[in-house]
Amino acid sequence: MKEKYNKLVKTLDTNNHSVFNLNYHLVLVVKYRRKVLNKQMVSRIREIGEYIGNRYHINFLEVNHEKDHMHILFKAHPKSALSKYIGAFKSASSRLIKKEYPHVKEKLWKECFWSQSYCLISTGGTV
């Protein structure tokens, strides 16, 4: 038990009045599950997400993808407004991907890149 506790303490973040470890798994799906994602695009989407994440105290830990969806594991701060961050991230990444990869527009419906919905799951455990 002590070993498990020590491992947990090393992963905790702090601020003035709290100790926390807030990890989330976000799944974003391309509208109508169009198979358009590739490594280069996903790398760019990650850059966009990390840049916007700085304003929301969000740090990416891991990103994986298939051709029609992405999995993003990230750390957040108690002050992070997750739904606002996800909205800003989806909006900016959609706009920039369509601008930087114009061939993607041909495969999209009404130029919507992401599905309107998303899946956000808290991860982690307790001692």
Foldseek 3Di string as FASTA:
>chain_A
DVVVVVVVVVQWDDDDPDIDWWKKKKKWFWVVLQQADDPVLQVVLVVLLQVLVVVQQKDWDDWDDGRTMIITMITGDPSGPVVVSVVVSLVVSLVVCCVVPVVVCVRDDPSRTIDPDMDMDIDDDDD
